[in-house]
Amino acid sequence: MTASNNSASRKPRPNRLNDLSSKQWLQFQKSWFIHNPPRRKKSVLTHPAKFPETLIQEFIEFFTKEKQTVLDPMVGTGSTLVACLRSGRRGIGVEINEKYADIARSIIDEERASHHPLFAAAPEQTIITGDANSLAQMSLPKIDYCITSPPYWDMLRVQGAQTQKKRRGAEDLDVFYSDMPEDLGNISDYDEFVASLSRIYREVNQVLKDRGYLTVIVKNVKKKGRMYPLAWDLGRELGRFFVLKDEKVWCQDNQRLAPYGYLNAWVSNTFHHYCLNFRKEEPTPDQ
């Protein structure tokens, strides 16, 4: 048999990770991307830090196949589950704040009804009101993939936070997540916050399938003239029980520039987030 005939008869390699074409796969491998979220619907404006379902769907469709199960342990008002519904995946969201969990349930019902009959037989979307510190005790099915965006420390409680100024005084718009002591967004000590967040991702590790992926969307934060490397610290801490495989940098180019520190000091306009991609693998000897 000639080399050309041998090549022609070779079976195509199976795609074990997702349902994408080779072109779509290659496009996703770019290490940075621009994504400007669409305007938020009125029903989700209450939540002070929602992240866009349009972005989440791209990650879900890369790291899973149709009908697989996706977890968001801090689901907020349900962006991840909307993305699961649209992409034909089963979604499970855990939310400690009952107010946001109820909003998420309503949004999922509205999304399913608005696309009937397209979503009539779509996979189930489950919202659990509970503490993500107890994931291993929730009798969850084996999770194929987890994607989440945690609180950016207690930044929503910082007086004068630029992103919250316009929300103060507005009716029915939360400025911070809650007053619950279990809410990670209420921890004022940075090291304690990183340790508490890492414990939640240890719980994720318990319910995630072997060689399953975890994506954490986060950014470094600035507080009182100092930058805290939250994304990098999480990469280090989660790397103790996951393997940090790569990062994608999410950039927004439709934000208005502000003259922070003008004529006095360097203060950047930060319009990027880190999408840290981890995988559950056997730990290396030094772990």
Protein backbone atom coordinates (compact mmCIF):
# COMPACT_ATOMS: atom_id res chain seq x y z
CA MET A 1 0.00 0.00 0.00
CA THR A 2 1.38 3.42 -0.92
CA ALA A 3 1.79 6.22 1.59
CA SER A 4 -1.12 8.15 0.06
CA ASN A 5 -3.45 5.15 0.23
CA ASN A 6 -2.41 4.50 3.83
CA SER A 7 -3.19 8.12 4.72
CA ALA A 8 -6.58 7.98 2.98
CA SER A 9 -7.61 4.83 4.84
CA ARG A 10 -6.63 6.13 8.26
CA LYS A 11 -9.64 6.60 10.53
CA PRO A 12 -10.23 10.12 11.86
CA ARG A 13 -9.31 10.57 15.50
CA PRO A 14 -12.35 10.75 17.81
CA ASN A 15 -13.07 14.03 19.57
CA ARG A 16 -13.30 13.00 23.22
CA LEU A 17 -13.69 16.49 24.66
CA ASN A 18 -16.40 18.33 22.73
CA ASP A 19 -18.58 18.49 19.62
CA LEU A 20 -16.69 21.27 17.84
CA SER A 21 -15.22 21.26 14.38
CA SER A 22 -11.45 21.48 13.97
CA LYS A 23 -11.80 25.15 12.96
CA GLN A 24 -13.86 25.97 16.06
CA TRP A 25 -11.38 24.10 18.26
CA LEU A 26 -8.46 26.07 16.84
CA GLN A 27 -10.22 29.41 17.25
CA PHE A 28 -10.85 28.75 20.95
CA GLN A 29 -7.16 28.04 21.57
CA LYS A 30 -6.25 31.71 21.17
CA SER A 31 -4.89 32.87 24.53
CA TRP A 32 -6.86 36.13 24.58
CA PHE A 33 -10.22 37.27 23.29
CA ILE A 34 -12.49 40.32 23.27
CA HIS A 35 -16.00 39.85 24.57
CA ASN A 36 -18.27 42.82 25.24
CA PRO A 37 -21.37 41.50 27.06
CA PRO A 38 -24.84 42.45 25.82
CA ARG A 39 -26.96 44.72 27.99
CA ARG A 40 -28.28 43.02 31.07
CA LYS A 41 -32.00 42.24 31.26
CA LYS A 42 -33.98 44.03 33.94
CA SER A 43 -34.60 40.74 35.75
CA VAL A 44 -30.90 40.28 36.55
CA LEU A 45 -29.90 43.88 37.28
CA THR A 46 -30.48 43.23 40.99
CA HIS A 47 -27.29 41.17 41.17
CA PRO A 48 -24.26 43.52 41.41
CA ALA A 49 -21.70 41.39 39.54
CA LYS A 50 -23.30 39.09 36.98
CA PHE A 51 -21.07 37.56 34.31
CA PRO A 52 -22.38 37.01 30.76
CA GLU A 53 -24.01 33.77 29.62
CA THR A 54 -22.77 34.46 26.07
CA LEU A 55 -19.18 34.10 27.30
CA ILE A 56 -19.92 31.08 29.50
CA GLN A 57 -21.53 29.22 26.60
CA GLU A 58 -18.29 29.37 24.60
CA PHE A 59 -16.39 27.66 27.43
CA ILE A 60 -19.12 25.09 28.04
CA GLU A 61 -19.19 24.11 24.38
CA PHE A 62 -15.41 23.65 24.34
CA PHE A 63 -15.04 21.64 27.54
CA THR A 64 -18.10 19.40 27.26
CA LYS A 65 -20.22 17.40 24.88
CA GLU A 66 -23.98 17.77 24.50
CA LYS A 67 -26.01 16.43 27.46
CA GLN A 68 -23.04 16.35 29.81
CA THR A 69 -23.31 17.93 33.26
CA VAL A 70 -21.93 21.36 34.18
CA LEU A 71 -21.62 22.78 37.71
CA ASP A 72 -21.43 26.36 38.94
CA PRO A 73 -20.95 26.37 42.74
CA MET A 74 -21.64 30.13 43.00
CA VAL A 75 -24.31 30.48 40.34
CA GLY A 76 -25.77 33.87 41.29
CA THR A 77 -28.76 34.67 39.09
CA GLY A 78 -28.17 31.71 36.78
CA SER A 79 -25.99 32.81 33.86
CA THR A 80 -24.26 29.43 33.70
CA LEU A 81 -27.57 27.55 33.61
CA VAL A 82 -28.90 29.76 30.82
CA ALA A 83 -25.75 28.91 28.85
CA CYS A 84 -26.29 25.21 29.62
CA LEU A 85 -29.87 25.37 28.42
CA ARG A 86 -28.86 27.06 25.17
CA SER A 87 -26.07 24.57 24.52
CA GLY A 88 -27.97 21.40 25.43
CA ARG A 89 -26.09 20.60 28.64
CA ARG A 90 -27.46 19.69 32.03
CA GLY A 91 -26.68 22.45 34.51
CA ILE A 92 -26.44 22.40 38.29
CA GLY A 93 -26.06 25.66 40.17
CA VAL A 94 -25.49 26.17 43.89
CA GLU A 95 -26.30 29.56 45.39
CA ILE A 96 -26.10 30.54 49.05
CA ASN A 97 -28.36 33.58 48.67
CA GLU A 98 -31.99 32.47 48.43
CA LYS A 99 -32.98 35.74 46.76
CA TYR A 100 -30.62 35.15 43.84
CA ALA A 101 -31.51 31.45 43.66
CA ASP A 102 -35.18 32.37 43.23
CA ILE A 103 -34.30 34.90 40.51
CA ALA A 104 -32.25 32.22 38.74
CA ARG A 105 -35.17 29.78 38.79
CA SER A 106 -37.46 32.41 37.28
CA ILE A 107 -34.92 33.26 34.58
CA ILE A 108 -34.52 29.60 33.60
CA ASP A 109 -38.31 29.19 33.40
CA GLU A 110 -38.59 32.32 31.26
CA GLU A 111 -35.74 31.22 28.99
CA ARG A 112 -37.25 27.79 28.46
CA ALA A 113 -40.73 29.21 27.80
CA SER A 114 -39.49 31.88 25.38
CA HIS A 115 -37.82 29.28 23.17
CA HIS A 116 -40.55 26.66 23.25
CA PRO A 117 -40.63 24.15 21.58
CA LEU A 118 -36.85 24.34 20.96
CA PHE A 119 -36.10 23.95 24.70
CA ALA A 120 -39.10 21.77 25.53
CA ALA A 121 -36.96 18.63 25.77
CA ALA A 122 -33.72 20.35 26.81
CA PRO A 123 -31.74 18.89 29.71
CA GLU A 124 -32.77 19.68 33.27
CA GLN A 125 -31.38 22.77 34.98
CA THR A 126 -31.16 22.44 38.77
CA ILE A 127 -30.65 25.24 41.27
CA ILE A 128 -29.75 24.30 44.84
CA THR A 129 -29.99 26.87 47.61
CA GLY A 130 -27.04 25.97 49.78
CA ASP A 131 -23.42 26.50 50.76
CA ALA A 132 -20.80 25.41 48.22
CA ASN A 133 -18.62 24.34 51.14
CA SER A 134 -20.86 21.26 51.32
CA LEU A 135 -20.82 20.13 47.67
CA ALA A 136 -19.54 16.67 48.56
CA GLN A 137 -22.59 16.14 50.81
CA MET A 138 -25.19 17.20 48.21
CA SER A 139 -25.47 13.82 46.42
CA LEU A 140 -24.61 15.42 43.08
CA PRO A 141 -24.10 13.34 39.95
CA LYS A 142 -20.55 13.15 38.64
CA ILE A 143 -19.73 16.55 37.19
CA ASP A 144 -18.17 16.73 33.71
CA TYR A 145 -17.11 20.38 33.91
CA CYS A 146 -17.22 23.28 36.34
CA ILE A 147 -17.17 26.97 35.44
CA THR A 148 -17.53 29.77 37.95
CA SER A 149 -16.71 33.38 38.70
CA PRO A 150 -16.20 33.89 42.44
CA PRO A 151 -16.58 37.13 44.40
CA TYR A 152 -13.68 39.47 43.81
CA TRP A 153 -12.92 39.54 47.54
CA ASP A 154 -14.90 42.28 49.40
CA MET A 155 -14.49 44.84 46.62
CA LEU A 156 -18.23 45.49 46.45
CA ARG A 157 -18.05 46.82 50.02
CA VAL A 158 -15.18 49.24 49.38
CA GLN A 159 -16.40 52.79 49.80
CA GLY A 160 -16.29 54.69 46.52
CA ALA A 161 -15.95 51.60 44.32
CA GLN A 162 -16.39 53.00 40.82
CA THR A 163 -18.54 50.14 39.55
CA GLN A 164 -21.05 50.61 42.38
CA LYS A 165 -21.44 54.39 42.52
CA LYS A 166 -24.28 54.45 40.01
CA ARG A 167 -26.11 51.66 41.84
CA ARG A 168 -26.23 53.45 45.19
CA GLY A 169 -29.65 54.96 45.74
CA ALA A 170 -31.20 53.02 42.86
CA GLU A 171 -34.31 51.09 43.84
CA ASP A 172 -34.00 47.27 43.97
CA LEU A 173 -30.33 47.21 42.93
CA ASP A 174 -27.98 45.44 45.33
CA VAL A 175 -24.63 47.10 45.96
CA PHE A 176 -23.13 43.98 47.54
CA TYR A 177 -24.18 40.33 47.65
CA SER A 178 -25.61 39.92 51.16
CA ASP A 179 -25.02 40.43 54.87
CA MET A 180 -24.66 36.69 55.47
CA PRO A 181 -21.54 35.74 57.46
CA GLU A 182 -21.12 32.69 55.18
CA ASP A 183 -20.92 34.96 52.12
CA LEU A 184 -17.29 35.07 50.93
CA GLY A 185 -17.81 38.64 49.72
CA ASN A 186 -17.99 39.73 53.37
CA ILE A 187 -14.50 38.48 54.36
CA SER A 188 -12.26 41.51 54.92
CA ASP A 189 -8.94 39.69 55.38
CA TYR A 190 -7.38 38.85 52.01
CA ASP A 191 -5.51 35.70 53.04
CA GLU A 192 -8.59 34.35 54.82
CA PHE A 193 -10.64 35.04 51.69
CA VAL A 194 -8.23 33.16 49.41
CA ALA A 195 -8.13 30.22 51.85
CA SER A 196 -11.94 30.12 52.12
CA LEU A 197 -12.36 30.23 48.35
CA SER A 198 -9.77 27.48 47.91
CA ARG A 199 -11.77 25.23 50.27
CA ILE A 200 -14.78 25.53 47.97
CA TYR A 201 -12.69 24.45 45.00
CA ARG A 202 -11.47 21.46 47.00
CA GLU A 203 -15.15 20.51 47.22
CA VAL A 204 -15.41 20.92 43.44
CA ASN A 205 -12.48 18.56 43.08
CA GLN A 206 -14.41 15.92 45.03
CA VAL A 207 -17.42 15.94 42.70
CA LEU A 208 -15.63 16.51 39.38
CA LYS A 209 -14.90 13.49 37.18
CA ASP A 210 -11.30 12.38 36.67
CA ARG A 211 -9.58 14.53 34.04
CA GLY A 212 -12.53 16.93 34.12
CA TYR A 213 -11.85 20.67 33.74
CA LEU A 214 -12.53 23.62 36.00
CA THR A 215 -12.60 27.20 34.69
CA VAL A 216 -12.34 30.07 37.17
CA ILE A 217 -13.02 33.55 35.78
CA VAL A 218 -11.37 36.13 38.02
CA LYS A 219 -9.18 39.20 38.01
CA ASN A 220 -6.60 40.84 40.23
CA VAL A 221 -8.06 43.53 42.47
CA LYS A 222 -6.97 46.97 43.65
CA LYS A 223 -7.69 48.20 47.14
CA LYS A 224 -6.40 51.33 48.90
CA GLY A 225 -3.60 51.94 46.43
CA ARG A 226 -2.36 48.35 46.32
CA MET A 227 -2.92 45.53 43.86
CA TYR A 228 -3.79 42.11 45.25
CA PRO A 229 -2.93 39.31 42.77
CA LEU A 230 -6.13 37.33 43.31
CA ALA A 231 -5.98 35.49 39.98
CA TRP A 232 -2.34 34.50 40.48
CA ASP A 233 -2.85 33.50 44.12
CA LEU A 234 -5.79 31.30 43.15
CA GLY A 235 -3.70 29.74 40.39
CA ARG A 236 -1.06 28.84 42.97
CA GLU A 237 -3.45 27.61 45.68
CA LEU A 238 -5.72 25.58 43.40
CA GLY A 239 -2.60 24.16 41.76
CA ARG A 240 -2.05 22.20 44.98
CA PHE A 241 -4.98 19.89 44.14
CA PHE A 242 -5.73 20.64 40.47
CA VAL A 243 -3.31 21.00 37.57
CA LEU A 244 -3.30 24.52 36.13
CA LYS A 245 -3.30 23.85 32.40
CA ASP A 246 -3.59 27.29 30.84
CA GLU A 247 -5.20 30.71 30.88
CA LYS A 248 -7.28 32.78 28.52
CA VAL A 249 -7.42 36.54 28.97
CA TRP A 250 -10.86 38.07 28.52
CA CYS A 251 -10.60 41.69 27.35
CA GLN A 252 -13.33 44.32 27.13
CA ASP A 253 -12.76 47.25 24.79
CA ASN A 254 -16.06 49.08 25.18
CA GLN A 255 -15.43 50.49 28.66
CA ARG A 256 -15.05 54.21 29.28
CA LEU A 257 -11.58 55.31 30.38
CA ALA A 258 -11.23 57.23 33.65
CA PRO A 259 -8.26 59.46 34.58
CA TYR A 260 -7.30 57.59 37.77
CA GLY A 261 -4.21 59.14 39.37
CA TYR A 262 -3.87 61.71 36.58
CA LEU A 263 -0.78 63.92 36.97
CA ASN A 264 0.09 62.14 40.20
CA ALA A 265 0.42 58.35 40.07
CA TRP A 266 0.08 55.28 37.86
CA VAL A 267 -3.35 53.69 38.19
CA SER A 268 -4.54 51.55 35.29
CA ASN A 269 -7.99 51.13 33.85
CA THR A 270 -8.39 47.37 34.25
CA PHE A 271 -10.58 45.89 31.53
CA HIS A 272 -9.40 42.29 31.52
CA HIS A 273 -10.10 39.09 33.44
CA TYR A 274 -8.23 35.81 33.67
CA CYS A 275 -9.99 32.59 32.68
CA LEU A 276 -7.91 29.99 34.54
CA ASN A 277 -8.33 26.45 33.26
CA PHE A 278 -7.53 23.60 35.64
CA ARG A 279 -7.85 19.82 35.25
CA LYS A 280 -8.35 17.11 37.83
CA GLU A 281 -5.35 14.83 37.53
CA GLU A 282 -3.20 12.68 39.77
CA PRO A 283 -1.03 14.99 41.94
CA THR A 284 2.67 15.22 41.22
CA PRO A 285 5.12 13.96 43.91
CA ASP A 286 5.76 17.44 45.33
CA GLN A 287 2.04 17.97 45.98
